[in-house]
Amino acid sequence: MIKYESNVVVERPVDEVAAYIVDPDSHGEWMTDVRSVEHLTAGPAAVGSRFRYEIRKGPVAMNLTFRIARLDGSAIEYETEPGGPLDWSARIGYEPVDGGRTRVTSAGEMSMKGLRRLLEPLMAGEVRSGEAGELEALKRVLEARPVSVAAASAGGGADPEAARP
């Protein structure tokens, strides 16, 4: 099993950061291995929503179907559906820190299946550095955007639905 956890502080209000993280259509902008996201459930992201991700790492490509297991004002959690090439549970948390900034924490566990399981020790470092790199990319993307007026004036609690554009 591969476990990872990393965090970054983003110079943006928590509502703005949460809305961006919760929107699966933004994932290709900061998750470097995501090539496409297909919505399998209609409507906005909510607990139970399903998405198929095409992920490519070098010459290896795979499709993974994720389901949102938890979504609230402090985090979103995903789990892969059974039957894929790996089991993966991931949590992206977001919490306000001083001065309108947001701490984002990405943590998760993945287990490869079949013969791929033999590659886990070799892949662990790559997964950990890749997940940390994605948070740095998230920080760059969000900090390059103008601060949303709605998010800046909202202050306080993180309601991803209220901060949606």
C-alpha atoms as a PDB file:
ATOM      1  CA  MET A   1       0.000   0.000   0.000  1.00  0.00           C
ATOM      2  CA  ILE A   2       1.233   3.491  -0.859  1.00  0.00           C
ATOM      3  CA  LYS A   3       0.368   6.267   1.588  1.00  0.00           C
ATOM      4  CA  TYR A   4       0.960   9.957   1.011  1.00  0.00           C
ATOM      5  CA  GLU A   5       0.231  13.293   2.638  1.00  0.00           C
ATOM      6  CA  SER A   6       1.328  16.809   1.774  1.00  0.00           C
ATOM      7  CA  ASN A   7       0.066  20.327   2.249  1.00  0.00           C
ATOM      8  CA  VAL A   8       0.456  23.833   0.922  1.00  0.00           C
ATOM      9  CA  VAL A   9      -0.798  27.277   1.886  1.00  0.00           C
ATOM     10  CA  VAL A  10      -2.597  29.104  -0.915  1.00  0.00           C
ATOM     11  CA  GLU A  11      -2.871  32.896  -0.867  1.00  0.00           C
ATOM     12  CA  ARG A  12      -6.616  32.790  -1.553  1.00  0.00           C
ATOM     13  CA  PRO A  13      -9.759  32.669   0.615  1.00  0.00           C
ATOM     14  CA  VAL A  14     -10.976  29.214   1.627  1.00  0.00           C
ATOM     15  CA  ASP A  15     -14.315  29.535  -0.217  1.00  0.00           C
ATOM     16  CA  GLU A  16     -12.552  30.225  -3.508  1.00  0.00           C
ATOM     17  CA  VAL A  17     -10.072  27.380  -3.007  1.00  0.00           C
ATOM     18  CA  ALA A  18     -12.799  24.912  -1.965  1.00  0.00           C
ATOM     19  CA  ALA A  19     -14.988  25.733  -4.977  1.00  0.00           C
ATOM     20  CA  TYR A  20     -12.052  25.192  -7.333  1.00  0.00           C
ATOM     21  CA  ILE A  21     -10.981  21.903  -5.742  1.00  0.00           C
ATOM     22  CA  VAL A  22     -14.527  20.511  -5.694  1.00  0.00           C
ATOM     23  CA  ASP A  23     -15.023  21.246  -9.428  1.00  0.00           C
ATOM     24  CA  PRO A  24     -13.783  18.111 -11.249  1.00  0.00           C
ATOM     25  CA  ASP A  25     -13.527  20.080 -14.504  1.00  0.00           C
ATOM     26  CA  SER A  26     -10.640  22.058 -12.946  1.00  0.00           C
ATOM     27  CA  HIS A  27      -8.616  18.956 -12.082  1.00  0.00           C
ATOM     28  CA  GLY A  28      -6.808  18.777 -15.419  1.00  0.00           C
ATOM     29  CA  GLU A  29      -5.443  22.284 -14.769  1.00  0.00           C
ATOM     30  CA  TRP A  30      -3.465  21.255 -11.687  1.00  0.00           C
ATOM     31  CA  MET A  31      -3.457  17.458 -11.518  1.00  0.00           C
ATOM     32  CA  THR A  32      -0.648  16.810 -13.982  1.00  0.00           C
ATOM     33  CA  ASP A  33      -1.561  13.208 -14.800  1.00  0.00           C
ATOM     34  CA  VAL A  34      -5.268  13.871 -15.486  1.00  0.00           C
ATOM     35  CA  ARG A  35      -5.957  13.919 -19.222  1.00  0.00           C
ATOM     36  CA  SER A  36      -9.757  14.055 -19.074  1.00  0.00           C
ATOM     37  CA  VAL A  37     -12.682  13.837 -16.673  1.00  0.00           C
ATOM     38  CA  GLU A  38     -16.048  12.415 -17.691  1.00  0.00           C
ATOM     39  CA  HIS A  39     -19.100  13.098 -15.523  1.00  0.00           C
ATOM     40  CA  LEU A  40     -21.019   9.854 -14.947  1.00  0.00           C
ATOM     41  CA  THR A  41     -23.566  11.535 -12.673  1.00  0.00           C
ATOM     42  CA  ALA A  42     -25.616  14.580 -13.666  1.00  0.00           C
ATOM     43  CA  GLY A  43     -25.593  17.770 -11.627  1.00  0.00           C
ATOM     44  CA  PRO A  44     -23.018  19.462  -9.431  1.00  0.00           C
ATOM     45  CA  ALA A  45     -20.461  17.491  -7.451  1.00  0.00           C
ATOM     46  CA  ALA A  46     -22.104  15.903  -4.394  1.00  0.00           C
ATOM     47  CA  VAL A  47     -21.708  12.824  -2.218  1.00  0.00           C
ATOM     48  CA  GLY A  48     -22.298   9.850  -4.506  1.00  0.00           C
ATOM     49  CA  SER A  49     -21.303  11.677  -7.715  1.00  0.00           C
ATOM     50  CA  ARG A  50     -19.213   9.546 -10.036  1.00  0.00           C
ATOM     51  CA  PHE A  51     -16.475  10.560 -12.473  1.00  0.00           C
ATOM     52  CA  ARG A  52     -14.218   8.656 -14.872  1.00  0.00           C
ATOM     53  CA  TYR A  53     -10.675   9.995 -15.023  1.00  0.00           C
ATOM     54  CA  GLU A  54      -8.245   9.220 -17.813  1.00  0.00           C
ATOM     55  CA  ILE A  55      -4.854   9.252 -16.130  1.00  0.00           C
ATOM     56  CA  ARG A  56      -1.547   9.059 -17.959  1.00  0.00           C
ATOM     57  CA  LYS A  57       1.839   8.728 -16.289  1.00  0.00           C
ATOM     58  CA  GLY A  58       4.548   8.503 -18.946  1.00  0.00           C
ATOM     59  CA  PRO A  59       3.633   5.655 -21.303  1.00  0.00           C
ATOM     60  CA  VAL A  60       1.093   4.166 -18.872  1.00  0.00           C
ATOM     61  CA  ALA A  61      -2.560   5.183 -19.236  1.00  0.00           C
ATOM     62  CA  MET A  62      -5.541   4.000 -17.223  1.00  0.00           C
ATOM     63  CA  ASN A  63      -9.152   4.897 -16.625  1.00  0.00           C
ATOM     64  CA  LEU A  64     -10.311   5.123 -13.027  1.00  0.00           C
ATOM     65  CA  THR A  65     -13.861   5.666 -11.837  1.00  0.00           C
ATOM     66  CA  PHE A  66     -14.084   7.696  -8.648  1.00  0.00           C
ATOM     67  CA  ARG A  67     -17.043   8.350  -6.380  1.00  0.00           C
ATOM     68  CA  ILE A  68     -17.288  11.256  -3.970  1.00  0.00           C
ATOM     69  CA  ALA A  69     -17.506   9.617  -0.546  1.00  0.00           C
ATOM     70  CA  ARG A  70     -17.593  12.838   1.511  1.00  0.00           C
ATOM     71  CA  LEU A  71     -18.042  16.513   0.741  1.00  0.00           C
ATOM     72  CA  ASP A  72     -18.432  19.278   3.288  1.00  0.00           C
ATOM     73  CA  GLY A  73     -17.034  22.663   4.182  1.00  0.00           C
ATOM     74  CA  SER A  74     -13.638  21.262   5.114  1.00  0.00           C
ATOM     75  CA  ALA A  75     -12.857  18.430   2.673  1.00  0.00           C
ATOM     76  CA  ILE A  76     -13.739  16.279  -0.286  1.00  0.00           C
ATOM     77  CA  GLU A  77     -12.993  12.557  -0.268  1.00  0.00           C
ATOM     78  CA  TYR A  78     -12.865  10.238  -3.267  1.00  0.00           C
ATOM     79  CA  GLU A  79     -12.776   6.463  -3.588  1.00  0.00           C
ATOM     80  CA  THR A  80     -12.222   4.349  -6.680  1.00  0.00           C
ATOM     81  CA  GLU A  81     -15.008   1.993  -7.569  1.00  0.00           C
ATOM     82  CA  PRO A  82     -14.311  -1.744  -7.435  1.00  0.00           C
ATOM     83  CA  GLY A  83     -13.030  -3.475 -10.534  1.00  0.00           C
ATOM     84  CA  GLY A  84     -10.302  -1.035 -11.543  1.00  0.00           C
ATOM     85  CA  PRO A  85      -6.535  -1.574 -11.664  1.00  0.00           C
ATOM     86  CA  LEU A  86      -6.076  -0.153  -8.165  1.00  0.00           C
ATOM     87  CA  ASP A  87      -7.907   0.809  -4.999  1.00  0.00           C
ATOM     88  CA  TRP A  88      -7.451   4.471  -4.131  1.00  0.00           C
ATOM     89  CA  SER A  89      -8.956   6.640  -1.445  1.00  0.00           C
ATOM     90  CA  ALA A  90      -8.024  10.306  -1.399  1.00  0.00           C
ATOM     91  CA  ARG A  91      -8.898  13.293   0.747  1.00  0.00           C
ATOM     92  CA  ILE A  92      -8.306  16.943  -0.096  1.00  0.00           C
ATOM     93  CA  GLY A  93      -8.906  19.160   2.914  1.00  0.00           C
ATOM     94  CA  TYR A  94      -9.094  22.949   2.955  1.00  0.00           C
ATOM     95  CA  GLU A  95      -9.016  25.165   6.028  1.00  0.00           C
ATOM     96  CA  PRO A  96      -8.721  28.906   6.515  1.00  0.00           C
ATOM     97  CA  VAL A  97      -5.540  30.335   7.964  1.00  0.00           C
ATOM     98  CA  ASP A  98      -4.707  33.913   8.864  1.00  0.00           C
ATOM     99  CA  GLY A  99      -4.978  36.718   6.343  1.00  0.00           C
ATOM    100  CA  GLY A 100      -7.491  35.096   3.975  1.00  0.00           C
ATOM    101  CA  ARG A 101      -5.177  32.222   3.112  1.00  0.00           C
ATOM    102  CA  THR A 102      -6.060  28.526   2.873  1.00  0.00           C
ATOM    103  CA  ARG A 103      -4.165  25.416   3.937  1.00  0.00           C
ATOM    104  CA  VAL A 104      -4.793  22.568   1.522  1.00  0.00           C
ATOM    105  CA  THR A 105      -3.896  19.029   2.578  1.00  0.00           C
ATOM    106  CA  SER A 106      -3.877  16.075   0.217  1.00  0.00           C
ATOM    107  CA  ALA A 107      -3.713  12.610   1.771  1.00  0.00           C
ATOM    108  CA  GLY A 108      -4.522   9.170   0.514  1.00  0.00           C
ATOM    109  CA  GLU A 109      -3.794   5.496   0.144  1.00  0.00           C
ATOM    110  CA  MET A 110      -3.570   3.341  -2.931  1.00  0.00           C
ATOM    111  CA  SER A 111      -3.087  -0.356  -3.490  1.00  0.00           C
ATOM    112  CA  MET A 112      -2.234  -1.783  -6.865  1.00  0.00           C
ATOM    113  CA  LYS A 113      -3.910  -4.982  -7.990  1.00  0.00           C
ATOM    114  CA  GLY A 114      -2.531  -8.090  -9.632  1.00  0.00           C
ATOM    115  CA  LEU A 115       1.055  -8.051 -10.854  1.00  0.00           C
ATOM    116  CA  ARG A 116       1.110  -4.261 -10.583  1.00  0.00           C
ATOM    117  CA  ARG A 117       1.300  -4.751  -6.824  1.00  0.00           C
ATOM    118  CA  LEU A 118       4.949  -5.738  -7.287  1.00  0.00           C
ATOM    119  CA  LEU A 119       5.633  -2.201  -8.535  1.00  0.00           C
ATOM    120  CA  GLU A 120       4.326  -0.456  -5.399  1.00  0.00           C
ATOM    121  CA  PRO A 121       7.743  -0.084  -3.707  1.00  0.00           C
ATOM    122  CA  LEU A 122       9.145   1.489  -6.877  1.00  0.00           C
ATOM    123  CA  MET A 123       6.143   3.755  -7.373  1.00  0.00           C
ATOM    124  CA  ALA A 124       5.759   5.003  -3.798  1.00  0.00           C
ATOM    125  CA  GLY A 125       8.239   7.863  -4.085  1.00  0.00           C
ATOM    126  CA  GLU A 126       6.863   8.918  -7.460  1.00  0.00           C
ATOM    127  CA  VAL A 127       3.305   8.946  -6.119  1.00  0.00           C
ATOM    128  CA  ARG A 128       4.293  10.993  -3.061  1.00  0.00           C
ATOM    129  CA  SER A 129       6.283  13.549  -5.053  1.00  0.00           C
ATOM    130  CA  GLY A 130       3.571  13.685  -7.724  1.00  0.00           C
ATOM    131  CA  GLU A 131       0.837  14.410  -5.205  1.00  0.00           C
ATOM    132  CA  ALA A 132       2.966  17.117  -3.537  1.00  0.00           C
ATOM    133  CA  GLY A 133       3.703  18.580  -6.982  1.00  0.00           C
ATOM    134  CA  GLU A 134      -0.004  18.761  -7.741  1.00  0.00           C
ATOM    135  CA  LEU A 135      -0.575  20.882  -4.640  1.00  0.00           C
ATOM    136  CA  GLU A 136       2.205  23.229  -5.761  1.00  0.00           C
ATOM    137  CA  ALA A 137       0.513  23.431  -9.175  1.00  0.00           C
ATOM    138  CA  LEU A 138      -2.826  24.151  -7.467  1.00  0.00           C
ATOM    139  CA  LYS A 139      -1.162  26.993  -5.563  1.00  0.00           C
ATOM    140  CA  ARG A 140       0.368  28.463  -8.761  1.00  0.00           C
ATOM    141  CA  VAL A 141      -2.892  28.260 -10.713  1.00  0.00           C
ATOM    142  CA  LEU A 142      -5.054  29.785  -7.996  1.00  0.00           C
ATOM    143  CA  GLU A 143      -2.620  32.520  -7.056  1.00  0.00           C
ATOM    144  CA  ALA A 144      -2.292  33.550 -10.717  1.00  0.00           C
ATOM    145  CA  ARG A 145      -6.051  34.190 -10.894  1.00  0.00           C
ATOM    146  CA  PRO A 146      -7.686  37.362  -9.621  1.00  0.00           C
ATOM    147  CA  VAL A 147      -9.342  36.977  -6.218  1.00  0.00           C
ATOM    148  CA  SER A 148     -13.061  36.358  -6.636  1.00  0.00           C
ATOM    149  CA  VAL A 149     -15.121  39.239  -5.213  1.00  0.00           C
ATOM    150  CA  ALA A 150     -17.703  36.791  -3.813  1.00  0.00           C
ATOM    151  CA  ALA A 151     -15.053  34.657  -2.130  1.00  0.00           C
ATOM    152  CA  ALA A 152     -13.151  37.647  -0.777  1.00  0.00           C
ATOM    153  CA  SER A 153     -16.265  39.162   0.774  1.00  0.00           C
ATOM    154  CA  ALA A 154     -17.653  35.833   2.053  1.00  0.00           C
ATOM    155  CA  GLY A 155     -14.877  35.301   4.628  1.00  0.00           C
ATOM    156  CA  GLY A 156     -15.282  32.655   7.318  1.00  0.00           C
ATOM    157  CA  GLY A 157     -16.915  29.299   6.503  1.00  0.00           C
ATOM    158  CA  ALA A 158     -16.139  27.215   3.467  1.00  0.00           C
ATOM    159  CA  ASP A 159     -19.300  26.335   1.585  1.00  0.00           C
ATOM    160  CA  PRO A 160     -18.081  25.008  -1.776  1.00  0.00           C
ATOM    161  CA  GLU A 161     -21.561  25.307  -3.295  1.00  0.00           C
ATOM    162  CA  ALA A 162     -21.920  28.958  -2.298  1.00  0.00           C
ATOM    163  CA  ALA A 163     -18.542  29.828  -3.806  1.00  0.00           C
ATOM    164  CA  ARG A 164     -19.204  28.200  -7.168  1.00  0.00           C
ATOM    165  CA  PRO A 165     -18.919  30.595 -10.121  1.00  0.00           C
END
